[in-house]
Amino acid sequence: MLGLPGAGKSTLARALAELLDADALLEPDEAQWPEFVVHPHVNGAFTRLSWFRSQRVPLYYAAKDSAARGHAAILDSYYDKWCVGWLGRPGLEWLIEPDDPYMPVARQMASTDHEQLPAADVVIMLEIDEQQWLEQLASRGRVIDRHDPFLRSHRSQAHFVETALEFGPRDGTVVIRHLRARVPPRDEARQLLEKLQQRGFAAES
């Protein structure tokens, strides 16, 4: 899954994994985050980025191991593999400011991750309209979601889409775009399953 924080990646990953009898590999919930991640101004954006990366990267390799055993795996955040494509772009100041002294290090880390991390067979690019996104952020109640300029960053979704469409063919990864619907997660997971079946990534039931 790829998309803005709050787009519903984890929710749909769980529901789709259940339909596919696949492994759901998910980022930790906010209750498991250390204090410096919830309030990143204390130690800086790069420290926060590094912590999230440390939680996600092992999941790439867990997914690779599942695939090697012939078992499907769904990663709820295909962020690190393609981060180099949107890092520092307008609207992503909430992630790390362009003039942050650690930005060169962040760019190098992102570039190396693109080269080294396992590639997915298929990425579901979740897109969501701004009003629905804001509603979902409010409903999940994360402290980090209330930080400016994050609440004004919906436009950064375009950079995720642009990167997916550019990097997908280059990496041999199929990109399936999906606009979020206002339906129960299991119903929407069935929509995703149909799209995967149409592209040959899941058996017809």
Protein backbone atom coordinates (compact mmCIF):
# COMPACT_ATOMS: atom_id res chain seq x y z
CA MET A 1 0.00 0.00 0.00
CA LEU A 2 1.13 3.55 -0.72
CA GLY A 3 -0.59 6.80 0.16
CA LEU A 4 -0.77 9.74 2.51
CA PRO A 5 -0.69 9.13 6.25
CA GLY A 6 -4.35 8.78 7.17
CA ALA A 7 -5.43 7.49 3.75
CA GLY A 8 -6.48 4.18 5.30
CA LYS A 9 -3.55 1.97 4.29
CA SER A 10 -3.46 -0.15 7.45
CA THR A 11 -7.23 -0.58 7.61
CA LEU A 12 -7.45 -1.78 4.03
CA ALA A 13 -4.30 -3.89 4.33
CA ARG A 14 -5.87 -5.81 7.23
CA ALA A 15 -9.16 -6.30 5.36
CA LEU A 16 -7.47 -7.35 2.12
CA ALA A 17 -5.11 -9.71 3.92
CA GLU A 18 -8.10 -11.43 5.48
CA LEU A 19 -9.72 -11.93 2.08
CA LEU A 20 -6.48 -13.27 0.59
CA ASP A 21 -5.37 -15.25 3.65
CA ALA A 22 -2.18 -13.20 3.37
CA ASP A 23 0.28 -11.88 5.95
CA ALA A 24 -0.56 -8.31 7.00
CA LEU A 25 2.67 -6.46 7.79
CA LEU A 26 1.76 -3.23 9.55
CA GLU A 27 3.47 -0.19 11.03
CA PRO A 28 3.16 0.05 14.84
CA ASP A 29 0.14 1.91 16.22
CA GLU A 30 0.66 5.31 17.84
CA ALA A 31 0.39 3.75 21.31
CA GLN A 32 3.69 2.01 20.54
CA TRP A 33 5.50 5.16 19.39
CA PRO A 34 8.18 6.71 21.62
CA GLU A 35 7.61 10.23 22.93
CA PHE A 36 10.09 11.84 20.54
CA VAL A 37 8.07 10.55 17.58
CA VAL A 38 4.77 11.89 18.90
CA HIS A 39 6.41 15.28 19.59
CA PRO A 40 9.17 15.40 16.95
CA HIS A 41 10.23 19.02 17.60
CA VAL A 42 12.24 17.81 20.59
CA ASN A 43 14.80 15.84 18.57
CA GLY A 44 14.13 16.89 15.00
CA ALA A 45 12.48 15.48 11.92
CA PHE A 46 15.36 13.22 10.89
CA THR A 47 15.27 11.39 14.21
CA ARG A 48 11.58 10.71 13.66
CA LEU A 49 12.18 9.60 10.06
CA SER A 50 14.92 7.25 11.19
CA TRP A 51 12.71 5.65 13.84
CA PHE A 52 9.84 5.03 11.41
CA ARG A 53 12.30 3.58 8.91
CA SER A 54 13.63 1.20 11.55
CA GLN A 55 10.08 -0.11 12.05
CA ARG A 56 9.23 -0.46 8.36
CA VAL A 57 12.37 -1.83 6.74
CA PRO A 58 12.22 -5.25 8.46
CA LEU A 59 8.70 -5.62 7.03
CA TYR A 60 10.06 -5.43 3.47
CA TYR A 61 12.23 -8.45 4.19
CA ALA A 62 9.42 -10.25 6.00
CA ALA A 63 7.31 -9.77 2.85
CA LYS A 64 10.16 -11.08 0.71
CA ASP A 65 10.44 -14.17 2.92
CA SER A 66 6.69 -14.76 2.66
CA ALA A 67 6.84 -14.53 -1.11
CA ALA A 68 9.75 -16.99 -1.20
CA ARG A 69 7.51 -19.45 0.66
CA GLY A 70 4.74 -18.92 -1.88
CA HIS A 71 2.58 -16.93 0.53
CA ALA A 72 1.14 -13.50 -0.16
CA ALA A 73 2.07 -10.58 2.08
CA ILE A 74 0.64 -7.08 2.25
CA LEU A 75 2.83 -4.25 3.49
CA ASP A 76 0.79 -1.30 4.69
CA SER A 77 3.37 1.36 3.86
CA TYR A 78 5.56 1.12 0.76
CA TYR A 79 7.16 4.38 1.80
CA ASP A 80 10.90 3.84 2.07
CA LYS A 81 11.46 2.17 -1.30
CA TRP A 82 10.20 5.22 -3.20
CA CYS A 83 10.76 8.03 -0.67
CA VAL A 84 13.56 9.51 -2.77
CA GLY A 85 10.93 10.46 -5.37
CA TRP A 86 9.04 12.89 -3.14
CA LEU A 87 11.48 13.91 -0.40
CA GLY A 88 11.80 17.69 -0.29
CA ARG A 89 8.94 18.32 -2.72
CA PRO A 90 6.42 21.14 -2.05
CA GLY A 91 3.78 20.11 0.47
CA LEU A 92 6.07 17.66 2.26
CA GLU A 93 7.58 20.12 4.71
CA TRP A 94 5.78 18.20 7.47
CA LEU A 95 8.10 15.29 6.75
CA ILE A 96 11.38 17.20 6.83
CA GLU A 97 12.07 20.82 5.89
CA PRO A 98 14.15 21.32 2.73
CA ASP A 99 16.69 23.39 4.69
CA ASP A 100 16.97 20.89 7.54
CA PRO A 101 20.69 20.23 8.14
CA TYR A 102 20.00 16.50 7.94
CA MET A 103 18.27 16.72 4.56
CA PRO A 104 21.39 15.61 2.61
CA VAL A 105 21.63 12.56 4.86
CA ALA A 106 17.91 11.86 4.42
CA ARG A 107 18.27 12.07 0.63
CA GLN A 108 21.23 9.70 0.63
CA MET A 109 19.40 7.24 2.87
CA ALA A 110 16.33 7.39 0.62
CA SER A 111 18.43 6.88 -2.51
CA THR A 112 20.18 3.86 -1.01
CA ASP A 113 16.85 2.42 0.15
CA HIS A 114 15.53 2.66 -3.40
CA GLU A 115 18.53 0.70 -4.62
CA GLN A 116 18.64 -1.90 -1.84
CA LEU A 117 15.16 -2.63 -0.47
CA PRO A 118 13.16 -5.49 -2.02
CA ALA A 119 10.70 -4.41 -4.68
CA ALA A 120 7.00 -5.25 -4.49
CA ASP A 121 5.23 -7.18 -7.21
CA VAL A 122 2.32 -4.73 -7.04
CA VAL A 123 1.69 -1.45 -5.25
CA ILE A 124 -1.82 -0.24 -4.55
CA MET A 125 -1.70 3.54 -4.77
CA LEU A 126 -4.44 4.78 -2.43
CA GLU A 127 -5.80 8.20 -3.32
CA ILE A 128 -8.28 10.10 -1.19
CA ASP A 129 -10.12 13.40 -1.59
CA GLU A 130 -9.15 16.11 0.87
CA GLN A 131 -12.42 16.27 2.82
CA GLN A 132 -12.54 12.53 3.40
CA TRP A 133 -8.85 12.58 4.37
CA LEU A 134 -9.40 15.32 6.96
CA GLU A 135 -12.37 13.42 8.37
CA GLN A 136 -10.30 10.26 8.71
CA LEU A 137 -7.47 12.14 10.41
CA ALA A 138 -9.93 13.58 12.92
CA SER A 139 -11.53 10.21 13.59
CA ARG A 140 -8.27 8.39 14.34
CA GLY A 141 -7.17 11.12 16.76
CA ARG A 142 -3.40 10.87 16.45
CA VAL A 143 -1.44 13.68 18.09
CA ILE A 144 0.98 13.83 15.18
CA ASP A 145 -1.87 14.45 12.72
CA ARG A 146 -2.69 17.78 14.37
CA HIS A 147 0.70 19.33 13.63
CA ASP A 148 0.94 22.10 11.07
CA PRO A 149 1.75 22.08 8.21
CA PHE A 150 0.60 18.44 7.96
CA LEU A 151 -3.10 19.36 7.91
CA ARG A 152 -2.43 21.51 4.83
CA SER A 153 -0.42 18.86 3.03
CA HIS A 154 -3.06 17.01 1.01
CA ARG A 155 -1.50 18.38 -2.18
CA SER A 156 1.56 16.22 -1.50
CA GLN A 157 -0.54 13.23 -2.57
CA ALA A 158 0.21 14.21 -6.16
CA HIS A 159 3.93 13.60 -5.54
CA PHE A 160 3.21 10.08 -4.27
CA VAL A 161 1.19 9.32 -7.40
CA GLU A 162 3.78 10.84 -9.74
CA THR A 163 6.58 8.86 -8.10
CA ALA A 164 4.61 5.60 -8.23
CA LEU A 165 3.89 6.02 -11.93
CA GLU A 166 7.55 6.82 -12.64
CA PHE A 167 9.26 4.29 -10.38
CA GLY A 168 6.84 1.40 -10.86
CA PRO A 169 7.84 0.55 -14.45
CA ARG A 170 11.50 1.18 -13.62
CA ASP A 171 11.39 -1.29 -10.70
CA GLY A 172 9.22 -3.89 -12.41
CA THR A 173 6.37 -3.13 -10.01
CA VAL A 174 2.77 -2.91 -11.20
CA VAL A 175 0.92 0.14 -9.84
CA ILE A 176 -2.83 -0.09 -9.27
CA ARG A 177 -4.48 3.25 -8.51
CA HIS A 178 -7.48 3.22 -6.20
CA LEU A 179 -9.63 6.16 -5.13
CA ARG A 180 -10.89 5.67 -1.58
CA ALA A 181 -14.62 5.03 -1.28
CA ARG A 182 -17.00 5.77 1.56
CA VAL A 183 -17.89 2.13 2.14
CA PRO A 184 -17.04 -0.39 4.89
CA PRO A 185 -13.39 -1.56 4.74
CA ARG A 186 -14.30 -5.15 3.86
CA ASP A 187 -16.42 -3.97 0.90
CA GLU A 188 -13.59 -1.76 -0.30
CA ALA A 189 -11.12 -4.61 0.16
CA ARG A 190 -13.30 -6.65 -2.20
CA GLN A 191 -12.97 -3.84 -4.76
CA LEU A 192 -9.20 -4.03 -4.37
CA LEU A 193 -9.30 -7.80 -4.68
CA GLU A 194 -11.16 -7.49 -7.99
CA LYS A 195 -8.51 -5.09 -9.28
CA LEU A 196 -5.77 -7.51 -8.24
CA GLN A 197 -7.58 -10.38 -9.94
CA GLN A 198 -7.93 -8.36 -13.13
CA ARG A 199 -4.15 -7.90 -13.15
CA GLY A 200 -3.45 -11.55 -12.36
CA PHE A 201 -2.28 -11.07 -8.77
CA ALA A 202 -5.01 -13.11 -7.09
CA ALA A 203 -6.95 -16.19 -8.07
CA GLU A 204 -10.58 -15.82 -9.08
CA SER A 205 -12.91 -17.17 -6.41
